[in-house]
Amino acid sequence: MKAIHLTKADFLTKVANYETNPNEWKFLGERPALIDFYATWCGPCKMLAPVLDELAEEYEGKIDIYKIDVDAEEELAALFGIRSVPSLLFVPMAGAPQMAQGAMPKYALKDAIQKVLLNA
C-alpha cells in the first residue's frame, strides 16, 4: 500500500467537501488521515515520500495517507494556506485537523500519528 494521490474531486469525496460546508470542517473519511502537501521539485518532499509509503503500509486499515501536489491542486493549497512544502495535515476522526510544516523523521511522524490520529 502506498500513499494515495488526491485531486480536488477526490478530496471533496474522501476528506471534506468544503464547497458544501464552507464554514464548517466536516471530515468524510472512514479512518483518520495524514495528508502530505508536496511539490515535485521539492527535495525534502522527495525524501519524505518513501517514508510516507512505509507508514501507509504499516498503518494500513488504521489511517489513510494521501498526497496532494500543490502545483496541480492550487485551490487546495490555497484553502489550507500552504506556503511551504512539505506541509503535513493530520486529520483525526473528530476535532480540528493539525498542520505540521517541514519533513519530519519517521519516528516523529509515528509519534504524531499515535498522539493526534490514533489517540494512543
C-alpha atoms as a PDB file:
ATOM      1  CA  MET A   1       0.000   0.000   0.000  1.00  0.00           C
ATOM      2  CA  LYS A   2       1.315   3.427  -0.881  1.00  0.00           C
ATOM      3  CA  ALA A   3       0.256   6.964  -0.162  1.00  0.00           C
ATOM      4  CA  ILE A   4      -2.686   7.859  -2.420  1.00  0.00           C
ATOM      5  CA  HIS A   5      -2.587  10.919  -4.678  1.00  0.00           C
ATOM      6  CA  LEU A   6      -5.649  13.131  -4.344  1.00  0.00           C
ATOM      7  CA  THR A   7      -7.196  15.542  -6.804  1.00  0.00           C
ATOM      8  CA  LYS A   8      -9.704  18.202  -5.760  1.00  0.00           C
ATOM      9  CA  ALA A   9     -12.554  15.852  -6.765  1.00  0.00           C
ATOM     10  CA  ASP A  10     -11.084  13.059  -4.590  1.00  0.00           C
ATOM     11  CA  PHE A  11     -10.613  15.475  -1.695  1.00  0.00           C
ATOM     12  CA  LEU A  12     -14.254  16.572  -1.846  1.00  0.00           C
ATOM     13  CA  THR A  13     -15.477  12.969  -1.518  1.00  0.00           C
ATOM     14  CA  LYS A  14     -12.799  11.376   0.709  1.00  0.00           C
ATOM     15  CA  VAL A  15     -11.728  14.168   3.069  1.00  0.00           C
ATOM     16  CA  ALA A  16     -14.030  17.191   3.271  1.00  0.00           C
ATOM     17  CA  ASN A  17     -16.478  18.851   0.922  1.00  0.00           C
ATOM     18  CA  TYR A  18     -15.585  22.490   1.558  1.00  0.00           C
ATOM     19  CA  GLU A  19     -17.885  23.576  -1.270  1.00  0.00           C
ATOM     20  CA  THR A  20     -20.949  22.175   0.514  1.00  0.00           C
ATOM     21  CA  ASN A  21     -19.723  23.121   4.012  1.00  0.00           C
ATOM     22  CA  PRO A  22     -17.522  26.218   3.540  1.00  0.00           C
ATOM     23  CA  ASN A  23     -17.711  27.342   7.175  1.00  0.00           C
ATOM     24  CA  GLU A  24     -17.513  24.007   8.941  1.00  0.00           C
ATOM     25  CA  TRP A  25     -14.902  21.237   8.918  1.00  0.00           C
ATOM     26  CA  LYS A  26     -16.785  18.010   8.306  1.00  0.00           C
ATOM     27  CA  PHE A  27     -14.441  15.058   7.819  1.00  0.00           C
ATOM     28  CA  LEU A  28     -15.787  12.445   5.403  1.00  0.00           C
ATOM     29  CA  GLY A  29     -13.142   9.750   5.796  1.00  0.00           C
ATOM     30  CA  GLU A  30     -13.638   6.288   7.242  1.00  0.00           C
ATOM     31  CA  ARG A  31     -10.286   6.445   9.061  1.00  0.00           C
ATOM     32  CA  PRO A  32      -8.037   9.236  10.359  1.00  0.00           C
ATOM     33  CA  ALA A  33      -5.857  10.691   7.600  1.00  0.00           C
ATOM     34  CA  LEU A  34      -2.427  12.185   7.058  1.00  0.00           C
ATOM     35  CA  ILE A  35      -2.255  14.481   4.035  1.00  0.00           C
ATOM     36  CA  ASP A  36       1.106  15.414   2.528  1.00  0.00           C
ATOM     37  CA  PHE A  37       1.079  18.692   0.585  1.00  0.00           C
ATOM     38  CA  TYR A  38       4.131  18.394  -1.675  1.00  0.00           C
ATOM     39  CA  ALA A  39       5.725  19.634  -4.885  1.00  0.00           C
ATOM     40  CA  THR A  40       7.563  17.562  -7.480  1.00  0.00           C
ATOM     41  CA  TRP A  41      10.540  19.961  -7.409  1.00  0.00           C
ATOM     42  CA  CYS A  42      10.920  19.871  -3.609  1.00  0.00           C
ATOM     43  CA  GLY A  43      13.965  17.960  -2.300  1.00  0.00           C
ATOM     44  CA  PRO A  44      12.657  17.343   1.250  1.00  0.00           C
ATOM     45  CA  CYS A  45       9.340  16.170  -0.285  1.00  0.00           C
ATOM     46  CA  LYS A  46      11.201  13.538  -2.312  1.00  0.00           C
ATOM     47  CA  MET A  47      12.976  12.326   0.825  1.00  0.00           C
ATOM     48  CA  LEU A  48       9.666  12.142   2.712  1.00  0.00           C
ATOM     49  CA  ALA A  49       7.780  10.196   0.005  1.00  0.00           C
ATOM     50  CA  PRO A  50       9.256   6.710   0.688  1.00  0.00           C
ATOM     51  CA  VAL A  51       8.776   7.224   4.450  1.00  0.00           C
ATOM     52  CA  LEU A  52       5.085   8.004   3.887  1.00  0.00           C
ATOM     53  CA  ASP A  53       4.751   4.912   1.691  1.00  0.00           C
ATOM     54  CA  GLU A  54       6.269   2.805   4.508  1.00  0.00           C
ATOM     55  CA  LEU A  55       3.861   4.345   7.019  1.00  0.00           C
ATOM     56  CA  ALA A  56       0.917   3.725   4.658  1.00  0.00           C
ATOM     57  CA  GLU A  57       1.878   0.038   4.727  1.00  0.00           C
ATOM     58  CA  GLU A  58       2.478  -0.095   8.488  1.00  0.00           C
ATOM     59  CA  TYR A  59      -0.813   1.629   9.321  1.00  0.00           C
ATOM     60  CA  GLU A  60      -2.914   0.057   6.553  1.00  0.00           C
ATOM     61  CA  GLY A  61      -6.529  -0.200   7.695  1.00  0.00           C
ATOM     62  CA  LYS A  62      -5.890   2.203  10.613  1.00  0.00           C
ATOM     63  CA  ILE A  63      -5.190   5.507   8.832  1.00  0.00           C
ATOM     64  CA  ASP A  64      -5.214   6.772   5.255  1.00  0.00           C
ATOM     65  CA  ILE A  65      -2.196   8.598   3.856  1.00  0.00           C
ATOM     66  CA  TYR A  66      -2.823  11.000   0.992  1.00  0.00           C
ATOM     67  CA  LYS A  67      -0.597  13.212  -1.156  1.00  0.00           C
ATOM     68  CA  ILE A  68      -1.602  16.479  -2.802  1.00  0.00           C
ATOM     69  CA  ASP A  69       0.602  18.123  -5.437  1.00  0.00           C
ATOM     70  CA  VAL A  70       0.366  21.843  -4.603  1.00  0.00           C
ATOM     71  CA  ASP A  71       1.226  22.873  -8.164  1.00  0.00           C
ATOM     72  CA  ALA A  72      -1.518  20.701  -9.668  1.00  0.00           C
ATOM     73  CA  GLU A  73      -4.060  21.483  -6.937  1.00  0.00           C
ATOM     74  CA  GLU A  74      -3.535  25.191  -6.270  1.00  0.00           C
ATOM     75  CA  GLU A  75      -7.051  25.654  -4.872  1.00  0.00           C
ATOM     76  CA  LEU A  76      -6.487  23.036  -2.161  1.00  0.00           C
ATOM     77  CA  ALA A  77      -3.078  24.515  -1.328  1.00  0.00           C
ATOM     78  CA  ALA A  78      -4.629  27.983  -1.005  1.00  0.00           C
ATOM     79  CA  LEU A  79      -7.525  26.648   1.074  1.00  0.00           C
ATOM     80  CA  PHE A  80      -5.084  25.329   3.680  1.00  0.00           C
ATOM     81  CA  GLY A  81      -2.724  28.297   3.413  1.00  0.00           C
ATOM     82  CA  ILE A  82       0.187  26.172   2.230  1.00  0.00           C
ATOM     83  CA  ARG A  83       3.222  28.445   1.848  1.00  0.00           C
ATOM     84  CA  SER A  84       5.994  25.898   2.190  1.00  0.00           C
ATOM     85  CA  VAL A  85       6.325  22.254   1.276  1.00  0.00           C
ATOM     86  CA  PRO A  86       6.239  19.677   2.579  1.00  0.00           C
ATOM     87  CA  SER A  87       3.311  20.516   4.846  1.00  0.00           C
ATOM     88  CA  LEU A  88       1.532  17.680   6.616  1.00  0.00           C
ATOM     89  CA  LEU A  89      -2.093  17.834   7.672  1.00  0.00           C
ATOM     90  CA  PHE A  90      -3.073  15.399  10.435  1.00  0.00           C
ATOM     91  CA  VAL A  91      -6.831  14.771  10.265  1.00  0.00           C
ATOM     92  CA  PRO A  92      -8.329  12.947  13.269  1.00  0.00           C
ATOM     93  CA  MET A  93     -11.797  11.410  13.107  1.00  0.00           C
ATOM     94  CA  ALA A  94     -13.117  14.075  15.481  1.00  0.00           C
ATOM     95  CA  GLY A  95     -11.868  17.572  16.088  1.00  0.00           C
ATOM     96  CA  ALA A  96      -9.891  20.004  14.002  1.00  0.00           C
ATOM     97  CA  PRO A  97      -7.041  18.986  11.723  1.00  0.00           C
ATOM     98  CA  GLN A  98      -3.494  19.937  12.735  1.00  0.00           C
ATOM     99  CA  MET A  99      -0.816  21.193  10.345  1.00  0.00           C
ATOM    100  CA  ALA A 100       2.912  20.494  10.635  1.00  0.00           C
ATOM    101  CA  GLN A 101       5.476  22.028   8.298  1.00  0.00           C
ATOM    102  CA  GLY A 102       8.689  20.516   7.020  1.00  0.00           C
ATOM    103  CA  ALA A 103       9.931  16.979   6.533  1.00  0.00           C
ATOM    104  CA  MET A 104       9.730  15.062   9.797  1.00  0.00           C
ATOM    105  CA  PRO A 105      11.782  11.948  10.575  1.00  0.00           C
ATOM    106  CA  LYS A 106       9.863   8.679  10.628  1.00  0.00           C
ATOM    107  CA  TYR A 107       9.908   8.358  14.425  1.00  0.00           C
ATOM    108  CA  ALA A 108       8.390  11.848  14.790  1.00  0.00           C
ATOM    109  CA  LEU A 109       5.704  11.030  12.218  1.00  0.00           C
ATOM    110  CA  LYS A 110       4.844   7.806  14.046  1.00  0.00           C
ATOM    111  CA  ASP A 111       4.668   9.710  17.335  1.00  0.00           C
ATOM    112  CA  ALA A 112       2.314  12.292  15.809  1.00  0.00           C
ATOM    113  CA  ILE A 113       0.178   9.564  14.193  1.00  0.00           C
ATOM    114  CA  GLN A 114      -0.203   7.830  17.566  1.00  0.00           C
ATOM    115  CA  LYS A 115      -0.999  11.022  19.509  1.00  0.00           C
ATOM    116  CA  VAL A 116      -3.064  13.018  17.012  1.00  0.00           C
ATOM    117  CA  LEU A 117      -4.706  10.367  14.837  1.00  0.00           C
ATOM    118  CA  LEU A 118      -4.978   7.237  16.967  1.00  0.00           C
ATOM    119  CA  ASN A 119      -5.211   8.947  20.387  1.00  0.00           C
ATOM    120  CA  ALA A 120      -2.799   6.391  21.825  1.00  0.00           C
END
